[in-house]
Amino acid sequence: MRTDLDVITAMVGTESRVLDLGCADGELLLHLARTRGCRGVGVDRDPDQVVAAIGRGVSVVELDIDTQLEEFSDDSFDIVVLSQTLQATRRPDRTVTEMMRIAPTGIVSVPNFGWWRHRWQLGIGGRMPVSKSLPNPWYSTPNIHLATLGDMDLLFEAAGVTVRQQVLLRPDGSPSSVRFGSNLLASGATYLIQRG
């Protein structure tokens, strides 16, 4: 299991109803069911990932996060998870707003495009960054929005949500001990958010 999913697991209450947007093969939902007694539904637009999730016994639907979240009723879940996916949505602001409509609480994890190694690769190397948190070259990446942790603060403020917890991440996805200069020194972050 990806290391950053442990951070997400710790933020999810026991027996929660979880919607996992961009669930891939359902690994997180399966883990939450086994360790936290959660019930969940995954959403992914990749048919191969949907088949893989179903093969693992995970309840999943094939939908486009950008255009089909209205399929879910207001407050139909306790928590919505968006793990390493926000930067690949067309309108991250709308995605966060929809998350907060579907559930009162959300978890968002993102890579930090402002991390010093990414800045170094772009500024000194003259190339778009590739790292553990950004493994794909620019021409095949699903990422269409290159945001820093500072940008995330502005997004959450504009969306009218409250950040209840922020866990800064190392390149391997484990929690970082960085306490200052996080926009430069953390390779990513996981946020626990609630309606404002």
C-alpha atoms as a PDB file:
ATOM      1  CA  MET A   1       0.000   0.000   0.000  1.00  0.00           C
ATOM      2  CA  ARG A   2       1.216   3.525  -0.734  1.00  0.00           C
ATOM      3  CA  THR A   3       2.711   5.083   2.398  1.00  0.00           C
ATOM      4  CA  ASP A   4       0.583   8.230   2.167  1.00  0.00           C
ATOM      5  CA  LEU A   5      -2.553   6.105   2.439  1.00  0.00           C
ATOM      6  CA  ASP A   6      -1.615   5.411   6.079  1.00  0.00           C
ATOM      7  CA  VAL A   7      -1.910   9.149   6.734  1.00  0.00           C
ATOM      8  CA  ILE A   8      -5.357   9.159   5.129  1.00  0.00           C
ATOM      9  CA  THR A   9      -6.448   6.078   7.087  1.00  0.00           C
ATOM     10  CA  ALA A  10      -5.590   7.799  10.370  1.00  0.00           C
ATOM     11  CA  MET A  11      -7.906  10.694   9.419  1.00  0.00           C
ATOM     12  CA  VAL A  12     -10.951   8.511   8.703  1.00  0.00           C
ATOM     13  CA  GLY A  13     -13.314   7.744  11.577  1.00  0.00           C
ATOM     14  CA  THR A  14     -14.285   4.154  12.305  1.00  0.00           C
ATOM     15  CA  GLU A  15     -17.370   2.847  10.533  1.00  0.00           C
ATOM     16  CA  SER A  16     -17.516   5.912   8.261  1.00  0.00           C
ATOM     17  CA  ARG A  17     -19.320   5.980   4.936  1.00  0.00           C
ATOM     18  CA  VAL A  18     -16.481   6.824   2.525  1.00  0.00           C
ATOM     19  CA  LEU A  19     -16.518   8.031  -1.076  1.00  0.00           C
ATOM     20  CA  ASP A  20     -13.081   7.650  -2.693  1.00  0.00           C
ATOM     21  CA  LEU A  21     -12.768   9.806  -5.818  1.00  0.00           C
ATOM     22  CA  GLY A  22     -10.072   8.518  -8.146  1.00  0.00           C
ATOM     23  CA  CYS A  23      -9.970   5.233  -6.236  1.00  0.00           C
ATOM     24  CA  ALA A  24      -7.823   3.374  -8.798  1.00  0.00           C
ATOM     25  CA  ASP A  25      -7.840  -0.341  -7.885  1.00  0.00           C
ATOM     26  CA  GLY A  26      -9.696   0.235  -4.607  1.00  0.00           C
ATOM     27  CA  GLU A  27      -6.693  -0.347  -2.350  1.00  0.00           C
ATOM     28  CA  LEU A  28      -7.616   2.407   0.131  1.00  0.00           C
ATOM     29  CA  LEU A  29     -11.287   1.421   0.407  1.00  0.00           C
ATOM     30  CA  LEU A  30     -10.369  -2.212   0.983  1.00  0.00           C
ATOM     31  CA  HIS A  31      -7.899  -1.172   3.680  1.00  0.00           C
ATOM     32  CA  LEU A  32     -10.468   1.121   5.357  1.00  0.00           C
ATOM     33  CA  ALA A  33     -13.056  -1.670   5.372  1.00  0.00           C
ATOM     34  CA  ARG A  34     -10.614  -4.114   6.973  1.00  0.00           C
ATOM     35  CA  THR A  35      -8.981  -1.808   9.515  1.00  0.00           C
ATOM     36  CA  ARG A  36     -11.643   0.813  10.323  1.00  0.00           C
ATOM     37  CA  GLY A  37     -14.913  -0.996   9.596  1.00  0.00           C
ATOM     38  CA  CYS A  38     -15.801   1.561   6.929  1.00  0.00           C
ATOM     39  CA  ARG A  39     -18.273   1.124   4.105  1.00  0.00           C
ATOM     40  CA  GLY A  40     -17.335   2.803   0.902  1.00  0.00           C
ATOM     41  CA  VAL A  41     -17.792   3.436  -2.771  1.00  0.00           C
ATOM     42  CA  GLY A  42     -15.021   4.212  -5.205  1.00  0.00           C
ATOM     43  CA  VAL A  43     -15.159   6.354  -8.320  1.00  0.00           C
ATOM     44  CA  ASP A  44     -12.746   6.074 -11.214  1.00  0.00           C
ATOM     45  CA  ARG A  45     -12.976   6.836 -14.922  1.00  0.00           C
ATOM     46  CA  ASP A  46     -10.393   4.245 -15.994  1.00  0.00           C
ATOM     47  CA  PRO A  47     -12.243   1.044 -16.965  1.00  0.00           C
ATOM     48  CA  ASP A  48      -9.213  -1.130 -16.144  1.00  0.00           C
ATOM     49  CA  GLN A  49      -9.005   0.319 -12.622  1.00  0.00           C
ATOM     50  CA  VAL A  50     -12.753  -0.175 -12.150  1.00  0.00           C
ATOM     51  CA  VAL A  51     -12.419  -3.838 -13.144  1.00  0.00           C
ATOM     52  CA  ALA A  52      -9.436  -4.248 -10.787  1.00  0.00           C
ATOM     53  CA  ALA A  53     -11.392  -2.708  -7.890  1.00  0.00           C
ATOM     54  CA  ILE A  54     -14.404  -4.922  -8.543  1.00  0.00           C
ATOM     55  CA  GLY A  55     -12.043  -7.908  -8.656  1.00  0.00           C
ATOM     56  CA  ARG A  56     -10.924  -7.005  -5.130  1.00  0.00           C
ATOM     57  CA  GLY A  57     -14.528  -6.878  -3.942  1.00  0.00           C
ATOM     58  CA  VAL A  58     -14.695  -3.074  -3.775  1.00  0.00           C
ATOM     59  CA  SER A  59     -17.915  -1.271  -4.676  1.00  0.00           C
ATOM     60  CA  VAL A  60     -16.967   1.103  -7.490  1.00  0.00           C
ATOM     61  CA  VAL A  61     -18.639   3.126 -10.225  1.00  0.00           C
ATOM     62  CA  GLU A  62     -17.137   4.411 -13.447  1.00  0.00           C
ATOM     63  CA  LEU A  63     -17.751   8.167 -13.482  1.00  0.00           C
ATOM     64  CA  ASP A  64     -15.907  11.315 -14.478  1.00  0.00           C
ATOM     65  CA  ILE A  65     -15.115  13.384 -11.366  1.00  0.00           C
ATOM     66  CA  ASP A  66     -15.196  16.561 -13.446  1.00  0.00           C
ATOM     67  CA  THR A  67     -18.715  16.134 -14.807  1.00  0.00           C
ATOM     68  CA  GLN A  68     -20.669  13.460 -12.952  1.00  0.00           C
ATOM     69  CA  LEU A  69     -20.466  14.071  -9.201  1.00  0.00           C
ATOM     70  CA  GLU A  70     -24.080  15.280  -9.239  1.00  0.00           C
ATOM     71  CA  GLU A  71     -24.923  11.558  -9.273  1.00  0.00           C
ATOM     72  CA  PHE A  72     -24.325  11.676  -5.500  1.00  0.00           C
ATOM     73  CA  SER A  73     -26.909  13.259  -3.188  1.00  0.00           C
ATOM     74  CA  ASP A  74     -26.106  15.950  -0.646  1.00  0.00           C
ATOM     75  CA  ASP A  75     -24.632  14.493   2.556  1.00  0.00           C
ATOM     76  CA  SER A  76     -24.734  10.948   1.188  1.00  0.00           C
ATOM     77  CA  PHE A  77     -21.349  10.110   2.778  1.00  0.00           C
ATOM     78  CA  ASP A  78     -19.511  10.936   5.991  1.00  0.00           C
ATOM     79  CA  ILE A  79     -16.236  11.687   4.233  1.00  0.00           C
ATOM     80  CA  VAL A  80     -14.940  12.098   0.673  1.00  0.00           C
ATOM     81  CA  VAL A  81     -11.323  11.210  -0.145  1.00  0.00           C
ATOM     82  CA  LEU A  82      -9.425  12.679  -3.087  1.00  0.00           C
ATOM     83  CA  SER A  83      -5.935  11.186  -2.997  1.00  0.00           C
ATOM     84  CA  GLN A  84      -3.301  12.436  -5.458  1.00  0.00           C
ATOM     85  CA  THR A  85      -6.086  13.333  -7.896  1.00  0.00           C
ATOM     86  CA  LEU A  86      -7.068  16.994  -7.426  1.00  0.00           C
ATOM     87  CA  GLN A  87      -4.276  18.243  -9.704  1.00  0.00           C
ATOM     88  CA  ALA A  88      -5.688  16.078 -12.513  1.00  0.00           C
ATOM     89  CA  THR A  89      -9.202  17.553 -12.375  1.00  0.00           C
ATOM     90  CA  ARG A  90     -10.297  20.304 -14.754  1.00  0.00           C
ATOM     91  CA  ARG A  91     -11.645  22.627 -12.046  1.00  0.00           C
ATOM     92  CA  PRO A  92     -10.159  21.832  -8.634  1.00  0.00           C
ATOM     93  CA  ASP A  93     -12.303  24.542  -7.028  1.00  0.00           C
ATOM     94  CA  ARG A  94     -15.504  22.914  -8.264  1.00  0.00           C
ATOM     95  CA  THR A  95     -14.247  19.488  -7.216  1.00  0.00           C
ATOM     96  CA  VAL A  96     -13.640  20.672  -3.644  1.00  0.00           C
ATOM     97  CA  THR A  97     -17.067  22.359  -3.574  1.00  0.00           C
ATOM     98  CA  GLU A  98     -18.712  19.140  -4.761  1.00  0.00           C
ATOM     99  CA  MET A  99     -16.823  17.132  -2.128  1.00  0.00           C
ATOM    100  CA  MET A 100     -18.224  19.400   0.579  1.00  0.00           C
ATOM    101  CA  ARG A 101     -21.741  19.008  -0.827  1.00  0.00           C
ATOM    102  CA  ILE A 102     -21.510  15.212  -0.773  1.00  0.00           C
ATOM    103  CA  ALA A 103     -20.010  14.983   2.740  1.00  0.00           C
ATOM    104  CA  PRO A 104     -19.281  17.378   5.605  1.00  0.00           C
ATOM    105  CA  THR A 105     -15.658  16.234   5.743  1.00  0.00           C
ATOM    106  CA  GLY A 106     -13.033  15.618   3.090  1.00  0.00           C
ATOM    107  CA  ILE A 107      -9.455  14.477   2.730  1.00  0.00           C
ATOM    108  CA  VAL A 108      -7.299  15.870  -0.063  1.00  0.00           C
ATOM    109  CA  SER A 109      -3.717  14.782  -0.715  1.00  0.00           C
ATOM    110  CA  VAL A 110      -1.576  16.519  -3.314  1.00  0.00           C
ATOM    111  CA  PRO A 111       1.994  16.724  -4.564  1.00  0.00           C
ATOM    112  CA  ASN A 112       3.736  20.053  -3.966  1.00  0.00           C
ATOM    113  CA  PHE A 113       4.943  21.552  -7.228  1.00  0.00           C
ATOM    114  CA  GLY A 114       6.776  24.172  -5.127  1.00  0.00           C
ATOM    115  CA  TRP A 115       9.032  21.580  -3.430  1.00  0.00           C
ATOM    116  CA  TRP A 116      12.706  22.587  -3.725  1.00  0.00           C
ATOM    117  CA  ARG A 117      13.665  19.581  -5.874  1.00  0.00           C
ATOM    118  CA  HIS A 118      10.907  20.388  -8.348  1.00  0.00           C
ATOM    119  CA  ARG A 119      12.018  24.024  -8.427  1.00  0.00           C
ATOM    120  CA  TRP A 120      15.616  22.917  -8.936  1.00  0.00           C
ATOM    121  CA  GLN A 121      14.733  20.612 -11.838  1.00  0.00           C
ATOM    122  CA  LEU A 122      12.788  23.371 -13.554  1.00  0.00           C
ATOM    123  CA  GLY A 123      14.994  26.357 -12.684  1.00  0.00           C
ATOM    124  CA  ILE A 124      18.460  24.834 -13.013  1.00  0.00           C
ATOM    125  CA  GLY A 125      17.822  21.731 -15.095  1.00  0.00           C
ATOM    126  CA  GLY A 126      15.422  23.491 -17.430  1.00  0.00           C
ATOM    127  CA  ARG A 127      13.016  20.553 -17.441  1.00  0.00           C
ATOM    128  CA  MET A 128       9.635  19.822 -15.915  1.00  0.00           C
ATOM    129  CA  PRO A 129      10.101  17.914 -12.657  1.00  0.00           C
ATOM    130  CA  VAL A 130      10.000  14.138 -12.297  1.00  0.00           C
ATOM    131  CA  SER A 131      10.127  12.619  -8.809  1.00  0.00           C
ATOM    132  CA  LYS A 132       8.538   9.941  -6.620  1.00  0.00           C
ATOM    133  CA  SER A 133       5.509  12.190  -6.128  1.00  0.00           C
ATOM    134  CA  LEU A 134       5.493  13.205  -9.830  1.00  0.00           C
ATOM    135  CA  PRO A 135       6.644  10.043 -11.610  1.00  0.00           C
ATOM    136  CA  ASN A 136       5.440  10.850 -15.137  1.00  0.00           C
ATOM    137  CA  PRO A 137       7.221  13.066 -17.673  1.00  0.00           C
ATOM    138  CA  TRP A 138       5.302  16.182 -18.721  1.00  0.00           C
ATOM    139  CA  TYR A 139       4.055  14.642 -21.974  1.00  0.00           C
ATOM    140  CA  SER A 140       2.299  11.706 -20.283  1.00  0.00           C
ATOM    141  CA  THR A 141       1.285  13.130 -16.902  1.00  0.00           C
ATOM    142  CA  PRO A 142      -2.370  13.234 -15.870  1.00  0.00           C
ATOM    143  CA  ASN A 143      -1.590  16.443 -13.928  1.00  0.00           C
ATOM    144  CA  ILE A 144      -3.050  19.559 -15.519  1.00  0.00           C
ATOM    145  CA  HIS A 145      -2.798  21.951 -12.546  1.00  0.00           C
ATOM    146  CA  LEU A 146       0.609  22.611 -11.025  1.00  0.00           C
ATOM    147  CA  ALA A 147      -0.138  23.899  -7.527  1.00  0.00           C
ATOM    148  CA  THR A 148       2.051  24.580  -4.511  1.00  0.00           C
ATOM    149  CA  LEU A 149       1.023  24.149  -0.884  1.00  0.00           C
ATOM    150  CA  GLY A 150       0.573  27.920  -0.740  1.00  0.00           C
ATOM    151  CA  ASP A 151      -1.855  27.635  -3.649  1.00  0.00           C
ATOM    152  CA  MET A 152      -3.793  24.973  -1.738  1.00  0.00           C
ATOM    153  CA  ASP A 153      -4.320  27.392   1.149  1.00  0.00           C
ATOM    154  CA  LEU A 154      -5.832  29.892  -1.305  1.00  0.00           C
ATOM    155  CA  LEU A 155      -8.019  27.218  -2.910  1.00  0.00           C
ATOM    156  CA  PHE A 156      -9.481  26.095   0.408  1.00  0.00           C
ATOM    157  CA  GLU A 157     -10.113  29.698   1.441  1.00  0.00           C
ATOM    158  CA  ALA A 158     -11.854  30.461  -1.869  1.00  0.00           C
ATOM    159  CA  ALA A 159     -13.967  27.304  -1.529  1.00  0.00           C
ATOM    160  CA  GLY A 160     -15.026  28.352   1.968  1.00  0.00           C
ATOM    161  CA  VAL A 161     -13.711  25.229   3.676  1.00  0.00           C
ATOM    162  CA  THR A 162     -11.808  24.920   6.929  1.00  0.00           C
ATOM    163  CA  VAL A 163      -8.532  23.004   7.102  1.00  0.00           C
ATOM    164  CA  ARG A 164      -8.752  20.948  10.297  1.00  0.00           C
ATOM    165  CA  GLN A 165      -5.402  19.216   9.845  1.00  0.00           C
ATOM    166  CA  GLN A 166      -2.474  19.335   7.450  1.00  0.00           C
ATOM    167  CA  VAL A 167       0.115  16.548   7.344  1.00  0.00           C
ATOM    168  CA  LEU A 168       3.212  17.426   5.352  1.00  0.00           C
ATOM    169  CA  LEU A 169       4.733  14.580   3.363  1.00  0.00           C
ATOM    170  CA  ARG A 170       8.203  13.339   2.471  1.00  0.00           C
ATOM    171  CA  PRO A 171       8.957  12.059  -1.040  1.00  0.00           C
ATOM    172  CA  ASP A 172       8.045   8.493   0.032  1.00  0.00           C
ATOM    173  CA  GLY A 173       4.622   9.650   1.298  1.00  0.00           C
ATOM    174  CA  SER A 174       5.422   9.354   4.991  1.00  0.00           C
ATOM    175  CA  PRO A 175       4.783  12.282   7.363  1.00  0.00           C
ATOM    176  CA  SER A 176       7.475  14.962   7.382  1.00  0.00           C
ATOM    177  CA  SER A 177       8.799  16.720  10.461  1.00  0.00           C
ATOM    178  CA  VAL A 178       9.057  20.033   8.566  1.00  0.00           C
ATOM    179  CA  ARG A 179       7.535  22.840  10.633  1.00  0.00           C
ATOM    180  CA  PHE A 180       8.564  25.938   8.693  1.00  0.00           C
ATOM    181  CA  GLY A 181       9.109  26.580   5.001  1.00  0.00           C
ATOM    182  CA  SER A 182       6.707  23.773   4.116  1.00  0.00           C
ATOM    183  CA  ASN A 183       6.018  25.196   0.653  1.00  0.00           C
ATOM    184  CA  LEU A 184       9.710  24.716  -0.125  1.00  0.00           C
ATOM    185  CA  LEU A 185      10.601  21.676   2.006  1.00  0.00           C
ATOM    186  CA  ALA A 186       7.592  19.294   1.848  1.00  0.00           C
ATOM    187  CA  SER A 187       7.083  17.190  -1.272  1.00  0.00           C
ATOM    188  CA  GLY A 188       3.333  17.039  -0.671  1.00  0.00           C
ATOM    189  CA  ALA A 189       0.567  17.294   1.898  1.00  0.00           C
ATOM    190  CA  THR A 190      -2.621  15.639   3.070  1.00  0.00           C
ATOM    191  CA  TYR A 191      -5.430  17.893   4.296  1.00  0.00           C
ATOM    192  CA  LEU A 192      -8.443  17.098   6.459  1.00  0.00           C
ATOM    193  CA  ILE A 193     -11.071  19.663   5.473  1.00  0.00           C
ATOM    194  CA  GLN A 194     -14.576  20.514   6.653  1.00  0.00           C
ATOM    195  CA  ARG A 195     -17.349  22.787   5.522  1.00  0.00           C
ATOM    196  CA  GLY A 196     -16.637  26.364   6.569  1.00  0.00           C
END
